[in-house]
Protein backbone atom coordinates (compact mmCIF):
# COMPACT_ATOMS: atom_id res chain seq x y z
CA ILE A 1 -11.72 -5.71 -0.29
CA SER A 2 -11.27 -2.75 -2.78
CA THR A 3 -11.64 -4.65 -6.02
CA SER A 4 -15.53 -3.92 -5.84
CA ALA A 5 -14.70 -0.15 -5.83
CA GLY A 6 -12.64 -0.63 -9.09
CA ILE A 7 -9.29 -0.90 -7.66
CA ASN A 8 -7.02 -3.54 -9.21
CA ASP A 9 -5.59 -6.10 -6.90
CA PHE A 10 -1.88 -7.10 -6.63
CA ARG A 11 -1.98 -10.95 -6.40
CA GLY A 12 -5.15 -12.11 -8.13
CA PRO A 13 -5.50 -13.65 -11.46
CA ASN A 14 -5.43 -10.24 -13.23
CA GLY A 15 -3.30 -8.57 -10.48
CA VAL A 16 -0.39 -6.27 -10.77
CA TRP A 17 2.31 -8.74 -9.80
CA THR A 18 0.80 -11.68 -11.58
CA ALA A 19 0.95 -9.52 -14.74
CA ARG A 20 4.64 -8.46 -14.00
CA ALA A 21 5.46 -12.19 -13.50
CA LYS A 22 4.11 -12.94 -17.06
CA GLY A 23 6.08 -10.15 -18.48
CA ILE A 24 3.02 -8.08 -19.33
CA ALA A 25 2.05 -4.57 -18.48
CA PRO A 26 -0.03 -4.42 -15.20
CA PRO A 27 -3.68 -3.14 -15.55
CA VAL A 28 -4.38 0.40 -15.10
CA SER A 29 -7.28 1.28 -12.87
CA THR A 30 -9.48 3.74 -14.71
CA VAL A 31 -11.29 4.78 -11.32
CA ARG A 32 -10.29 8.19 -10.41
CA ASN A 33 -12.12 8.75 -7.09
CA PRO A 34 -12.97 5.42 -5.73
CA GLU A 35 -15.55 5.23 -2.76
CA PRO A 36 -15.41 2.57 0.29
CA THR A 37 -17.21 -0.63 -0.58
CA LEU A 38 -19.79 -2.29 1.59
CA THR A 39 -17.25 -4.27 3.29
CA HIS A 40 -15.39 -1.13 4.24
CA MET A 41 -18.70 0.33 5.80
CA ALA A 42 -19.10 -3.02 7.62
CA PHE A 43 -15.78 -2.70 9.31
CA VAL A 44 -16.96 0.86 10.39
CA GLU A 45 -20.11 -0.67 11.96
CA LEU A 46 -18.17 -3.45 13.63
CA MET A 47 -15.99 -0.82 15.24
CA LYS A 48 -19.00 1.26 16.31
CA VAL A 49 -20.45 -1.69 18.24
CA GLY A 50 -17.15 -2.79 19.77
CA TYR A 51 -16.54 -5.89 17.87
CA LEU A 52 -13.56 -4.58 16.03
CA LYS A 53 -11.12 -2.61 18.07
CA PHE A 54 -8.17 -2.03 15.61
CA LEU A 55 -7.86 -2.75 11.84
CA VAL A 56 -4.52 -3.95 10.21
CA SER A 57 -4.74 -3.36 6.59
CA GLN A 58 -2.35 -3.97 3.48
CA ASN A 59 -4.41 -1.66 1.46
CA CYS A 60 -2.87 1.69 0.43
CA ASP A 61 -5.96 3.29 -1.26
CA GLY A 62 -7.17 5.33 1.60
CA LEU A 63 -10.73 3.95 1.42
CA HIS A 64 -10.66 2.65 5.19
CA LEU A 65 -10.17 6.37 6.31
CA LYS A 66 -12.58 7.61 3.68
CA SER A 67 -15.09 5.12 5.25
CA GLY A 68 -15.00 6.61 8.58
CA ILE A 69 -12.06 4.55 10.41
CA THR A 70 -9.99 6.99 12.29
CA THR A 71 -6.15 7.10 12.07
CA ASP A 72 -5.70 5.83 15.66
CA LYS A 73 -7.67 2.70 15.03
CA ILE A 74 -5.78 1.48 11.81
CA ALA A 75 -2.41 0.47 11.00
CA GLU A 76 -1.70 0.86 7.23
CA LEU A 77 1.12 -1.63 6.55
CA HIS A 78 1.93 -0.37 3.10
CA GLY A 79 1.08 3.19 3.59
CA ASN A 80 -1.77 5.31 2.26
CA CYS A 81 -1.39 6.90 -1.36
CA TYR A 82 -3.37 10.11 0.13
CA CYS A 83 -0.86 10.73 2.91
CA GLU A 84 2.58 12.58 2.90
CA ALA A 85 4.79 13.43 5.62
CA CYS A 86 7.00 16.28 6.04
CA ALA A 87 10.61 15.21 6.09
CA LYS A 88 11.60 18.20 8.18
CA CYS A 89 8.94 18.20 11.12
CA GLY A 90 7.62 14.56 10.70
CA ARG A 91 4.06 15.86 10.45
CA VAL A 92 1.58 13.64 8.42
CA TYR A 93 -0.98 15.39 6.23
CA TYR A 94 -3.84 13.55 4.33
CA ARG A 95 -4.63 14.80 1.04
CA GLU A 96 -7.82 14.94 -1.08
CA LYS A 97 -5.77 13.79 -4.11
CA ARG A 98 -3.20 11.06 -4.56
CA VAL A 99 0.22 12.04 -3.37
CA PRO A 100 3.03 11.41 -6.03
CA TYR A 101 5.21 8.56 -4.83
CA TYR A 102 8.89 7.87 -5.80
CA GLU A 103 10.30 4.87 -3.96
CA HIS A 104 13.34 5.73 -1.78
CA HIS A 105 13.08 9.65 -2.72
CA THR A 106 11.93 12.73 -0.99
CA TRP A 107 11.54 15.97 -2.53
CA LEU A 108 10.85 19.68 -1.80
CA THR A 109 7.55 20.92 -2.86
CA GLY A 110 8.40 24.37 -2.63
CA LYS A 111 5.20 25.19 -0.77
CA GLN A 112 4.34 25.59 2.82
CA LEU A 113 2.40 22.54 4.05
CA GLN A 114 -1.11 23.20 5.44
CA ARG A 115 -3.03 20.97 7.67
């Protein structure tokens, strides 16, 4: 549902995995600050009126939370690219900018985490 916000998909005809399967470089999104789409906002409205109790999403772009869905009403199966967790205490922090991601690696930021 995020392609209309300018975010590339993974499995479509021009998706990341499709490109990799063809041996070509995946497309790079040029959108730096995507906004929730009408579909994201429709989910918010469905939740407000009680038709939707909980949302399960495979999207990791953070647009469901940005649209107004609260963290207790969503399961983000592939994570959220604006979220980082403290390896020491387990606290979760949502950031304004994308968090660097390196598969199977943790790192010390050298900074005091702030809520």
